[in-house]
Amino acid sequence: MAEQDKALTRSASVARKTNETDIVLKFDVDGTGISELQTDVPFLNHMLDLFTKHGQFNLNVDAKGDIEIDDHHTVEDIGICLGQTLREALGDKRGIKRYASVFVPMDEALAQVVIDISNRPHFEYRAQYPSQNVGSFDTQLVHEFLWKLALEARITLHVIVHYGQNTHHMVEAVFKALGRALDEATTIDPRVQGVPSTKGVL
C-alpha cells in the first residue's frame, strides 16, 4: 500500500462508559470537515464543529453525561476520548510534519496554538477571559478539555490567547487555531523519511 493510501485510513473510534458519562466517538484525521455532534453541552458542540471544519477532520460524537451536576465530566471525558482516538489514528506517526504553530484572529481576539506530536504529554495554557461563562458554559472547562486531549494524545500543546474583549470570540479563536495546527502537524510530508525524530521513534 502506498504511503498516501495509508494516510487515508488514519481514523479511530472509542467507546467510554463510566458512572458519569457514556460516550462514543470516532475521529478521522484525513476528513473533509464534517461533524456529527450529539452532546448535552451546546457550546462544546459549537467549538467542536469549528475545530472539525477548520482542521478538515471528520468527527462523530454521541455523548451523554451528568449535566444535572455540571458540564465538567462530559467535557473532560470527550477530551479524553478525542485524545485517545488521535493517538491511535496516527499510529507510528511515520511521515508526519510533527510540529505546527498557528495564529487565528476572531474579530478583536487573537489565539495561538503550538503543537509537537512528541509522545511526551505536556500542556501550557495562557488565557485570561473577561467573563467566567459563555452562556451556561464555564470557561474553566476549556482548560480541562485541552489538557485531557494533550495527555491522552501524548502531544505537547501550548495555547496562548494573546488578547481579546469578548470571551466567546477568544475561546472560538482557540478551537479554530487548534484545528488548523493539528491539521498541519499531522499532514504527511513526502520529504520525511520514516519518523521525524533523531530517536527513530515517537
Protein backbone atom coordinates (compact mmCIF):
# COMPACT_ATOMS: atom_id res chain seq x y z
CA MET A 1 0.00 0.00 0.00
CA ALA A 2 1.37 3.41 -0.92
CA GLU A 3 2.16 5.97 1.78
CA GLN A 4 -0.73 8.20 0.69
CA ASP A 5 -3.15 5.26 0.84
CA LYS A 6 -2.07 4.63 4.42
CA ALA A 7 -2.74 8.26 5.26
CA LEU A 8 -6.32 7.95 4.06
CA THR A 9 -7.03 5.29 6.69
CA ARG A 10 -5.96 7.38 9.67
CA SER A 11 -9.06 7.04 11.82
CA ALA A 12 -10.05 5.52 15.14
CA SER A 13 -13.06 5.18 17.41
CA VAL A 14 -13.58 4.67 21.11
CA ALA A 15 -16.44 3.94 23.48
CA ARG A 16 -16.14 5.13 27.08
CA LYS A 17 -18.78 4.45 29.72
CA THR A 18 -18.49 5.46 33.35
CA ASN A 19 -20.90 6.30 36.15
CA GLU A 20 -20.67 9.90 34.92
CA THR A 21 -20.64 9.71 31.12
CA ASP A 22 -21.47 7.46 28.17
CA ILE A 23 -19.52 8.45 25.05
CA VAL A 24 -18.95 7.00 21.59
CA LEU A 25 -16.50 8.99 19.48
CA LYS A 26 -14.98 8.49 16.02
CA PHE A 27 -12.22 10.69 14.64
CA ASP A 28 -10.84 10.78 11.08
CA VAL A 29 -7.61 12.72 10.66
CA ASP A 30 -7.98 12.87 6.88
CA GLY A 31 -11.52 14.11 6.55
CA THR A 32 -13.46 16.86 4.83
CA GLY A 33 -14.59 18.96 7.79
CA ILE A 34 -17.77 17.04 8.61
CA SER A 35 -19.03 16.74 12.19
CA GLU A 36 -21.96 14.89 13.70
CA LEU A 37 -22.22 16.01 17.31
CA GLN A 38 -24.74 14.96 19.91
CA THR A 39 -23.79 16.15 23.38
CA ASP A 40 -25.66 17.86 26.18
CA VAL A 41 -23.25 20.82 26.07
CA PRO A 42 -24.31 23.14 23.21
CA PHE A 43 -21.30 25.47 23.42
CA LEU A 44 -18.92 22.50 23.21
CA ASN A 45 -20.82 21.27 20.15
CA HIS A 46 -20.20 24.66 18.57
CA MET A 47 -16.47 24.58 19.41
CA LEU A 48 -16.01 21.00 18.18
CA ASP A 49 -17.78 21.88 14.94
CA LEU A 50 -15.34 24.76 14.41
CA PHE A 51 -12.37 22.55 15.28
CA THR A 52 -13.50 19.91 12.79
CA LYS A 53 -14.23 22.34 9.97
CA HIS A 54 -11.00 24.30 10.25
CA GLY A 55 -8.89 21.16 10.70
CA GLN A 56 -10.53 19.32 7.79
CA PHE A 57 -11.22 16.33 10.04
CA ASN A 58 -14.32 14.19 10.40
CA LEU A 59 -15.69 13.87 13.92
CA ASN A 60 -18.64 11.92 15.29
CA VAL A 61 -19.55 12.32 18.95
CA ASP A 62 -22.51 10.83 20.80
CA ALA A 63 -22.16 11.80 24.45
CA LYS A 64 -24.45 11.72 27.45
CA GLY A 65 -23.34 12.93 30.86
CA ASP A 66 -24.41 14.02 34.32
CA ILE A 67 -25.07 17.62 33.30
CA GLU A 68 -27.59 17.90 36.14
CA ILE A 69 -24.43 18.29 38.26
CA ASP A 70 -22.50 20.38 35.73
CA ASP A 71 -20.78 20.04 32.33
CA HIS A 72 -17.38 19.11 33.76
CA HIS A 73 -17.41 15.33 33.37
CA THR A 74 -18.88 15.42 29.86
CA VAL A 75 -16.38 17.98 28.55
CA GLU A 76 -13.42 16.28 30.24
CA ASP A 77 -14.31 12.81 29.00
CA ILE A 78 -14.85 13.98 25.42
CA GLY A 79 -11.33 15.45 25.60
CA ILE A 80 -10.06 12.09 26.82
CA CYS A 81 -11.80 10.21 24.00
CA LEU A 82 -10.63 12.64 21.32
CA GLY A 83 -7.04 12.34 22.54
CA GLN A 84 -7.19 8.55 22.55
CA THR A 85 -8.54 8.37 19.01
CA LEU A 86 -5.99 10.89 17.74
CA ARG A 87 -3.13 8.87 19.17
CA GLU A 88 -4.47 5.62 17.74
CA ALA A 89 -5.25 7.12 14.33
CA LEU A 90 -1.70 8.45 13.89
CA GLY A 91 -0.13 5.06 14.58
CA ASP A 92 3.67 5.20 14.40
CA LYS A 93 3.48 8.80 13.07
CA ARG A 94 5.59 7.92 10.06
CA GLY A 95 5.92 10.79 7.58
CA ILE A 96 4.08 13.48 9.57
CA LYS A 97 5.28 17.08 9.84
CA ARG A 98 5.05 16.75 13.64
CA TYR A 99 5.20 20.48 14.52
CA ALA A 100 2.84 23.38 13.91
CA SER A 101 2.33 26.94 15.13
CA VAL A 102 -0.86 28.75 14.13
CA PHE A 103 -2.31 32.17 14.94
CA VAL A 104 -6.03 32.71 14.42
CA PRO A 105 -7.87 36.00 14.89
CA MET A 106 -11.54 36.19 15.76
CA ASP A 107 -12.52 39.84 15.41
CA GLU A 108 -10.72 41.57 18.31
CA ALA A 109 -9.31 38.32 19.78
CA LEU A 110 -6.08 36.57 18.83
CA ALA A 111 -5.18 33.00 19.79
CA GLN A 112 -2.06 30.94 19.12
CA VAL A 113 -1.73 27.15 19.26
CA VAL A 114 1.65 25.41 19.05
CA ILE A 115 1.83 21.62 18.76
CA ASP A 116 4.53 18.97 18.87
CA ILE A 117 3.27 15.42 18.27
CA SER A 118 6.06 14.24 20.51
CA ASN A 119 4.76 11.26 22.52
CA ARG A 120 5.53 13.46 25.54
CA PRO A 121 2.31 14.87 27.01
CA HIS A 122 2.68 18.45 28.17
CA PHE A 123 0.23 21.35 28.30
CA GLU A 124 0.81 25.09 28.72
CA TYR A 125 -2.16 27.44 28.81
CA ARG A 126 -2.14 31.22 28.92
CA ALA A 127 -5.61 32.75 28.78
CA GLN A 128 -7.45 35.35 30.80
CA TYR A 129 -11.10 35.71 29.87
CA PRO A 130 -13.21 38.78 30.67
CA SER A 131 -16.04 36.56 31.94
CA GLN A 132 -16.13 33.13 33.56
CA ASN A 133 -19.05 31.93 31.49
CA VAL A 134 -20.23 31.94 27.89
CA GLY A 135 -23.94 31.42 28.37
CA SER A 136 -24.08 28.45 30.74
CA PHE A 137 -20.61 27.16 29.74
CA ASP A 138 -17.84 27.58 32.33
CA THR A 139 -14.63 28.72 30.62
CA GLN A 140 -12.57 26.70 33.12
CA LEU A 141 -13.66 23.68 31.11
CA VAL A 142 -11.63 24.86 28.10
CA HIS A 143 -8.52 24.10 30.16
CA GLU A 144 -9.88 20.70 31.23
CA PHE A 145 -10.73 19.70 27.66
CA LEU A 146 -7.39 20.76 26.18
CA TRP A 147 -5.31 19.25 29.00
CA LYS A 148 -7.02 15.86 28.72
CA LEU A 149 -6.69 15.96 24.93
CA ALA A 150 -2.94 16.61 25.21
CA LEU A 151 -2.50 13.97 27.90
CA GLU A 152 -4.32 11.18 26.10
CA ALA A 153 -2.93 12.02 22.64
CA ARG A 154 0.56 12.30 24.19
CA ILE A 155 1.30 15.59 22.49
CA THR A 156 2.93 18.82 23.63
CA LEU A 157 0.31 21.55 23.39
CA HIS A 158 0.79 25.25 24.06
CA VAL A 159 -2.26 27.53 23.90
CA ILE A 160 -1.94 31.30 24.23
CA VAL A 161 -4.76 33.81 23.97
CA HIS A 162 -2.82 36.99 23.35
CA TYR A 163 -5.73 39.37 23.81
CA GLY A 164 -9.44 39.85 23.35
CA GLN A 165 -12.51 41.51 24.82
CA ASN A 166 -15.29 39.03 24.03
CA THR A 167 -14.95 35.68 25.80
CA HIS A 168 -16.87 33.80 23.09
CA HIS A 169 -14.53 35.17 20.42
CA MET A 170 -11.45 34.25 22.46
CA VAL A 171 -12.50 30.64 23.02
CA GLU A 172 -13.61 30.33 19.40
CA ALA A 173 -10.20 31.51 18.20
CA VAL A 174 -8.59 28.80 20.36
CA PHE A 175 -10.61 25.98 18.83
CA LYS A 176 -10.11 27.24 15.29
CA ALA A 177 -6.37 27.51 15.87
CA LEU A 178 -6.32 24.05 17.44
CA GLY A 179 -7.94 22.56 14.35
CA ARG A 180 -5.58 24.29 11.93
CA ALA A 181 -2.47 23.50 13.97
CA LEU A 182 -3.38 19.85 14.39
CA ASP A 183 -4.13 19.60 10.68
CA GLU A 184 -0.70 20.99 9.83
CA ALA A 185 1.19 18.85 12.37
CA THR A 186 -0.47 15.63 11.19
CA THR A 187 -0.01 16.33 7.48
CA ILE A 188 2.08 13.76 5.62
CA ASP A 189 5.23 15.41 4.25
CA PRO A 190 6.68 13.39 1.33
CA ARG A 191 10.15 14.67 2.24
CA VAL A 192 10.03 12.98 5.64
CA GLN A 193 11.57 9.53 5.57
CA GLY A 194 10.25 7.41 8.43
CA VAL A 195 9.57 9.07 11.76
CA PRO A 196 10.51 12.78 12.16
CA SER A 197 12.80 12.26 15.15
CA THR A 198 16.51 11.58 15.58
CA LYS A 199 15.47 8.96 18.14
CA GLY A 200 13.86 6.94 15.37
CA VAL A 201 10.57 6.68 17.25
CA LEU A 202 7.81 8.95 18.53
